[in-house]
Amino acid sequence: MAIGSAAYQACELCPRRCQAKRTAGAVGACGASSKLRVARSALHFWEEPPISGERGSGAIFFSGCPLRCVFCQNHQISHGGRGLEVSTMRLAQMMLELQDQGALNINLVTPLHFAPHILEAVPLARSAGLKLPIVCNTSGYERERTVRAVAPVVDVWLTDFKYASSALAGSLSAAANYPQVARRALVAMLCSLREKGGASLADDGAMQRGIIVRHLVLPGHVEDSLDVLDLVWELCGNEVDLSVMNQYTPNETCRQKGGDLARGLSEDEYETVLDYADALGFERMWWQQGGTVSESFVPAFDATGVEGPELCTAGA
């Protein structure tokens, strides 16, 4: 299913289906027009071991996001629109530059509200010598149609599954349909992976093809985390890796509102979720140790690696 630049004319790329006239300069529910914006392009060492390894993941952070999570740590780019306007050709060049820096992969962070650009840039970079796997790093709040459209250029899905509860998704991310949407998106990712022959690792453990499902455990919401794990296990079993994260850190908004989200996650809460995942039977599971806080994982969105010479021809 092809998605071209015409998709921006009355945009329905994400589950909001806001029909914003992005080609005319309007911004969609994601906060973006049809102008591609990137906030950072650099090696990133804080993903799961199969993604970052020791060399680092070549992370390209896009501006905008269809979700409005009250606890978002990347608000400067997800809500604030920080980033520079770049062309599709420049995006392809960034991928090649990251490859030259030794990246294990090209990690496209929250990219699918720019799906038409992605579908142009990846083949352009491939034709100019890109050999690395493409990682789609997503909140999981994606239309099945968009996932299927970009699947031919994606090797690894690094996807969140945030909520099982519609009420919780509505109150914390203004997306009551998140559980249903994320379920359909994950099934589409799994179908794509199966069509390509299933998961594959390099000799050094780097993921060449596969799916990692991430879940951030929220303080006071352990029961919903257990429900999320039930859903992922039911849908995927051990065809996916599971990453259970403890890095929730209350931002100023959450601290002011008070309640459970004004505090960090307790060790008991985290251990309860890890024990449940283990009991379900997940064989490839990643977890975080110690006093992890998400602020330590947030890079500077200062346009590092964004500006530079453009790729002039496919053979350059």
Protein backbone atom coordinates (compact mmCIF):
# COMPACT_ATOMS: atom_id res chain seq x y z
CA MET A 1 0.00 0.00 0.00
CA ALA A 2 1.74 3.15 -1.21
CA ILE A 3 1.72 6.41 0.71
CA GLY A 4 3.01 9.45 -1.13
CA SER A 5 3.26 13.17 -0.45
CA ALA A 6 -0.43 13.53 -1.35
CA ALA A 7 -1.13 12.04 2.08
CA TYR A 8 -0.28 15.43 3.57
CA GLN A 9 -3.09 17.17 1.68
CA ALA A 10 -5.77 16.02 4.14
CA CYS A 11 -3.70 14.03 6.57
CA GLU A 12 -4.87 10.72 7.97
CA LEU A 13 -1.44 9.18 8.57
CA CYS A 14 -1.89 8.75 12.31
CA PRO A 15 -4.90 7.44 14.27
CA ARG A 16 -6.10 11.00 14.91
CA ARG A 17 -6.98 11.24 11.21
CA CYS A 18 -7.21 15.01 11.65
CA GLN A 19 -7.32 15.77 7.88
CA ALA A 20 -5.07 18.77 8.36
CA LYS A 21 -4.01 20.39 5.09
CA ARG A 22 -0.35 20.01 5.87
CA THR A 23 0.81 20.78 2.32
CA ALA A 24 -0.90 24.18 2.68
CA GLY A 25 1.09 24.91 5.84
CA ALA A 26 -1.41 23.73 8.44
CA VAL A 27 -0.11 21.58 11.27
CA GLY A 28 -1.74 18.30 12.11
CA ALA A 29 -2.56 16.78 15.46
CA CYS A 30 1.10 15.73 15.47
CA GLY A 31 2.16 19.39 15.46
CA ALA A 32 3.84 19.14 12.06
CA SER A 33 3.20 20.54 8.61
CA SER A 34 4.44 18.77 5.49
CA LYS A 35 7.89 20.29 6.05
CA LEU A 36 10.23 17.63 7.39
CA ARG A 37 11.81 18.69 10.70
CA VAL A 38 14.64 16.94 12.55
CA ALA A 39 15.98 17.85 16.00
CA ARG A 40 19.07 15.64 16.26
CA SER A 41 21.09 13.08 14.29
CA ALA A 42 23.79 11.36 16.33
CA LEU A 43 24.99 8.13 17.88
CA HIS A 44 22.72 7.09 20.76
CA PHE A 45 23.90 4.64 23.43
CA TRP A 46 20.82 4.30 25.63
CA GLU A 47 18.61 1.88 23.73
CA GLU A 48 18.34 -1.85 24.41
CA PRO A 49 21.60 -3.84 23.88
CA PRO A 50 20.54 -5.32 20.50
CA ILE A 51 19.93 -1.77 19.24
CA SER A 52 22.77 0.28 20.76
CA GLY A 53 25.43 -2.35 21.40
CA GLU A 54 28.78 -0.74 22.14
CA ARG A 55 28.97 1.29 18.93
CA GLY A 56 25.71 3.14 19.35
CA SER A 57 22.51 3.45 17.37
CA GLY A 58 22.30 6.08 14.65
CA ALA A 59 19.34 8.00 16.06
CA ILE A 60 17.46 10.60 14.05
CA PHE A 61 14.90 12.45 16.20
CA PHE A 62 11.93 13.93 14.33
CA SER A 63 9.86 16.87 15.53
CA GLY A 64 6.23 16.33 16.47
CA CYS A 65 4.20 13.44 17.86
CA PRO A 66 0.55 12.33 17.56
CA LEU A 67 0.35 11.58 21.31
CA ARG A 68 0.13 14.14 24.11
CA CYS A 69 1.55 12.22 27.06
CA VAL A 70 1.46 14.32 30.22
CA PHE A 71 4.72 12.72 31.40
CA CYS A 72 6.65 13.17 28.13
CA GLN A 73 10.38 13.79 28.61
CA ASN A 74 10.95 14.81 24.97
CA HIS A 75 8.42 17.63 25.11
CA GLN A 76 10.82 20.05 23.42
CA ILE A 77 10.39 18.16 20.17
CA SER A 78 7.13 16.24 20.68
CA HIS A 79 5.11 19.28 21.79
CA GLY A 80 7.40 22.26 21.27
CA GLY A 81 8.32 21.59 17.65
CA ARG A 82 12.05 22.10 18.18
CA GLY A 83 14.06 21.10 15.12
CA LEU A 84 15.29 22.28 11.75
CA GLU A 85 13.58 21.96 8.40
CA VAL A 86 15.45 19.56 6.11
CA SER A 87 14.91 18.02 2.70
CA THR A 88 14.40 14.35 1.99
CA MET A 89 17.83 14.28 0.36
CA ARG A 90 19.43 15.72 3.49
CA LEU A 91 17.68 13.06 5.58
CA ALA A 92 19.21 10.37 3.39
CA GLN A 93 22.63 11.98 3.79
CA MET A 94 22.26 11.96 7.58
CA MET A 95 21.74 8.19 7.42
CA LEU A 96 24.97 7.78 5.45
CA GLU A 97 26.86 10.02 7.87
CA LEU A 98 25.71 7.92 10.82
CA GLN A 99 26.85 4.80 8.99
CA ASP A 100 30.27 6.40 8.51
CA GLN A 101 30.37 7.11 12.28
CA GLY A 102 30.02 3.38 12.99
CA ALA A 103 26.34 3.19 13.93
CA LEU A 104 24.81 -0.28 14.31
CA ASN A 105 21.61 0.85 12.61
CA ILE A 106 19.56 3.86 11.58
CA ASN A 107 17.09 4.59 14.37
CA LEU A 108 14.19 6.75 13.20
CA VAL A 109 12.61 8.16 16.36
CA THR A 110 8.88 8.99 16.13
CA PRO A 111 8.98 9.19 12.32
CA LEU A 112 5.65 8.01 10.93
CA HIS A 113 3.82 11.34 10.79
CA PHE A 114 6.50 11.91 8.11
CA ALA A 115 5.93 8.51 6.46
CA PRO A 116 6.04 9.83 2.86
CA HIS A 117 9.46 11.37 3.50
CA ILE A 118 10.71 8.13 5.10
CA LEU A 119 9.58 6.11 2.11
CA GLU A 120 11.59 8.40 -0.17
CA ALA A 121 14.69 8.85 1.99
CA VAL A 122 15.48 5.23 2.82
CA PRO A 123 15.65 4.01 -0.82
CA LEU A 124 17.69 7.09 -1.68
CA ALA A 125 20.18 6.28 1.07
CA ARG A 126 20.24 2.60 0.06
CA SER A 127 21.10 3.51 -3.51
CA ALA A 128 23.97 5.64 -2.20
CA GLY A 129 25.47 2.85 -0.11
CA LEU A 130 23.47 2.49 3.11
CA LYS A 131 23.80 -1.09 4.42
CA LEU A 132 22.47 -0.74 7.97
CA PRO A 133 19.12 -2.00 9.32
CA ILE A 134 16.38 0.60 9.64
CA VAL A 135 14.76 0.84 13.08
CA CYS A 136 11.30 2.38 13.42
CA ASN A 137 11.16 3.73 16.99
CA THR A 138 7.50 4.43 17.70
CA SER A 139 5.01 5.10 20.48
CA GLY A 140 2.87 2.29 19.10
CA TYR A 141 0.08 4.77 18.35
CA GLU A 142 0.12 4.16 14.61
CA ARG A 143 -2.47 3.35 11.99
CA GLU A 144 -2.24 -0.20 10.72
CA ARG A 145 -2.37 1.20 7.18
CA THR A 146 0.69 3.38 7.79
CA VAL A 147 2.62 0.53 9.40
CA ARG A 148 1.94 -1.68 6.38
CA ALA A 149 3.00 1.09 4.01
CA VAL A 150 6.40 1.67 5.59
CA ALA A 151 7.07 -2.00 6.43
CA PRO A 152 9.07 -2.62 3.22
CA VAL A 153 11.78 -0.19 4.38
CA VAL A 154 11.76 -1.14 8.10
CA ASP A 155 13.88 -3.98 9.49
CA VAL A 156 13.37 -3.53 13.23
CA TRP A 157 10.32 -2.26 15.09
CA LEU A 158 11.13 -0.66 18.44
CA THR A 159 7.61 -0.01 19.61
CA ASP A 160 5.93 1.03 22.83
CA PHE A 161 2.83 -0.59 24.23
CA LYS A 162 1.89 1.99 26.82
CA TYR A 163 -1.58 1.11 28.08
CA ALA A 164 -4.17 -1.65 28.24
CA SER A 165 -6.76 0.68 29.77
CA SER A 166 -8.63 3.08 27.51
CA ALA A 167 -9.43 5.29 30.49
CA LEU A 168 -5.78 5.57 31.45
CA ALA A 169 -4.72 6.20 27.85
CA GLY A 170 -7.32 8.93 27.58
CA SER A 171 -6.32 10.67 30.78
CA LEU A 172 -2.55 10.48 30.29
CA SER A 173 -2.11 10.67 26.50
CA ALA A 174 -5.43 12.08 25.24
CA ALA A 175 -5.87 8.88 23.23
CA ALA A 176 -8.59 6.65 24.67
CA ASN A 177 -8.31 4.39 21.62
CA TYR A 178 -4.61 3.72 22.25
CA PRO A 179 -5.00 0.06 23.35
CA GLN A 180 -7.01 -0.91 20.28
CA VAL A 181 -4.76 1.06 17.92
CA ALA A 182 -1.53 -0.28 19.42
CA ARG A 183 -2.83 -3.84 19.24
CA ARG A 184 -3.61 -3.56 15.51
CA ALA A 185 -0.29 -1.84 14.83
CA LEU A 186 1.66 -4.54 16.66
CA VAL A 187 -0.11 -7.28 14.70
CA ALA A 188 0.83 -5.50 11.46
CA MET A 189 4.46 -5.27 12.58
CA LEU A 190 4.49 -8.96 13.46
CA CYS A 191 3.00 -9.90 10.09
CA SER A 192 5.70 -7.86 8.35
CA LEU A 193 8.41 -9.56 10.37
CA ARG A 194 7.07 -13.02 9.56
CA GLU A 195 6.93 -12.16 5.86
CA LYS A 196 10.64 -11.28 5.99
CA GLY A 197 11.58 -14.54 7.66
CA GLY A 198 11.37 -13.67 11.35
CA ALA A 199 13.83 -12.18 13.77
CA SER A 200 17.54 -12.22 12.98
CA LEU A 201 20.61 -11.26 15.02
CA ALA A 202 24.17 -10.61 13.87
CA ASP A 203 27.03 -12.57 15.42
CA ASP A 204 27.61 -9.74 17.91
CA GLY A 205 23.94 -9.79 19.02
CA ALA A 206 22.90 -6.71 17.06
CA MET A 207 19.33 -7.00 15.81
CA GLN A 208 19.09 -7.15 12.04
CA ARG A 209 15.36 -7.91 11.94
CA GLY A 210 12.91 -8.10 14.76
CA ILE A 211 10.53 -6.44 17.17
CA ILE A 212 11.21 -5.08 20.63
CA VAL A 213 8.06 -4.15 22.56
CA ARG A 214 8.75 -1.55 25.23
CA HIS A 215 6.60 -0.88 28.25
CA LEU A 216 7.23 1.93 30.73
CA VAL A 217 5.88 0.99 34.15
CA LEU A 218 4.03 3.94 35.69
CA PRO A 219 3.85 4.46 39.46
CA GLY A 220 0.47 3.50 40.83
CA HIS A 221 -0.53 1.62 37.67
CA VAL A 222 1.05 -1.80 38.05
CA GLU A 223 -2.22 -3.59 37.28
CA ASP A 224 -2.39 -1.92 33.88
CA SER A 225 1.21 -2.97 33.22
CA LEU A 226 0.28 -6.59 33.93
CA ASP A 227 -2.64 -6.28 31.51
CA VAL A 228 -0.27 -4.90 28.86
CA LEU A 229 2.02 -7.89 29.27
CA ASP A 230 -0.95 -10.23 28.91
CA LEU A 231 -1.86 -8.54 25.63
CA VAL A 232 1.67 -8.66 24.23
CA TRP A 233 2.08 -12.32 25.20
CA GLU A 234 -1.29 -13.23 23.68
CA LEU A 235 -0.45 -11.47 20.42
CA CYS A 236 3.23 -12.31 20.01
CA GLY A 237 4.55 -14.80 22.52
CA ASN A 238 8.29 -15.16 22.07
CA GLU A 239 8.35 -13.82 18.53
CA VAL A 240 9.24 -10.45 20.09
CA ASP A 241 11.69 -9.17 22.67
CA LEU A 242 10.17 -7.44 25.69
CA SER A 243 11.70 -4.36 27.31
CA VAL A 244 10.27 -3.42 30.71
CA MET A 245 11.42 0.05 31.73
CA ASN A 246 11.64 1.70 35.15
CA GLN A 247 12.85 5.10 33.95
CA TYR A 248 9.66 7.06 34.64
CA THR A 249 10.57 10.48 36.01
CA PRO A 250 7.88 13.03 36.95
CA ASN A 251 8.13 16.24 34.97
CA GLU A 252 6.97 19.59 36.30
CA THR A 253 3.40 19.06 35.11
CA CYS A 254 3.13 15.73 36.93
CA ARG A 255 4.73 17.09 40.09
CA GLN A 256 2.25 19.94 40.19
CA LYS A 257 -0.77 17.66 39.68
CA GLY A 258 0.31 15.40 42.52
CA GLY A 259 -0.85 11.82 43.00
CA ASP A 260 1.09 8.72 41.97
CA LEU A 261 2.59 10.34 38.89
CA ALA A 262 4.28 12.95 41.08
CA ARG A 263 6.65 10.29 42.40
CA GLY A 264 9.06 7.79 40.93
CA LEU A 265 8.46 4.08 40.51
CA SER A 266 9.12 1.94 43.56
CA GLU A 267 11.35 -1.13 43.44
CA ASP A 268 8.44 -3.32 44.54
CA GLU A 269 6.25 -2.06 41.69
CA TYR A 270 8.96 -2.72 39.13
CA GLU A 271 9.81 -6.16 40.49
CA THR A 272 6.13 -7.14 40.41
CA VAL A 273 5.98 -6.43 36.68
CA LEU A 274 9.29 -8.15 35.94
CA ASP A 275 8.24 -11.24 37.87
CA TYR A 276 4.95 -11.37 35.96
CA ALA A 277 6.72 -11.11 32.61
CA ASP A 278 9.02 -13.94 33.62
CA ALA A 279 6.07 -16.07 34.72
CA LEU A 280 4.32 -15.53 31.39
CA GLY A 281 7.31 -17.05 29.63
CA PHE A 282 9.09 -14.20 27.84
CA GLU A 283 12.52 -15.57 26.92
CA ARG A 284 14.19 -12.42 25.57
CA MET A 285 13.49 -9.69 28.08
CA TRP A 286 15.35 -6.50 28.83
CA TRP A 287 15.14 -4.54 32.06
CA GLN A 288 16.83 -1.59 33.72
CA GLN A 289 18.90 -1.70 36.87
CA GLY A 290 19.42 0.78 39.67
CA GLY A 291 18.03 4.27 40.04
CA THR A 292 17.37 4.88 36.36
CA VAL A 293 15.72 8.19 35.56
CA SER A 294 14.57 9.17 32.12
CA GLU A 295 16.11 12.64 32.26
CA SER A 296 19.52 10.95 32.02
CA PHE A 297 18.43 9.36 28.74
CA VAL A 298 17.22 12.57 27.09
CA PRO A 299 19.78 13.94 24.62
CA ALA A 300 20.23 17.60 23.83
CA PHE A 301 17.88 18.50 21.00
CA ASP A 302 20.31 21.07 19.67
CA ALA A 303 20.30 20.15 15.97
CA THR A 304 23.48 18.09 16.32
CA GLY A 305 24.17 16.41 12.98
CA VAL A 306 21.17 17.96 11.23
CA GLU A 307 22.79 20.63 9.12
CA GLY A 308 25.23 19.63 6.41
CA PRO A 309 25.74 19.04 2.69
CA GLU A 310 22.94 17.43 0.76
CA LEU A 311 23.11 14.25 -1.24
CA CYS A 312 22.97 15.57 -4.78
CA THR A 313 22.51 12.37 -6.72
CA ALA A 314 21.59 8.81 -5.85
CA GLY A 315 25.06 7.71 -6.85
CA ALA A 316 26.94 10.37 -4.92
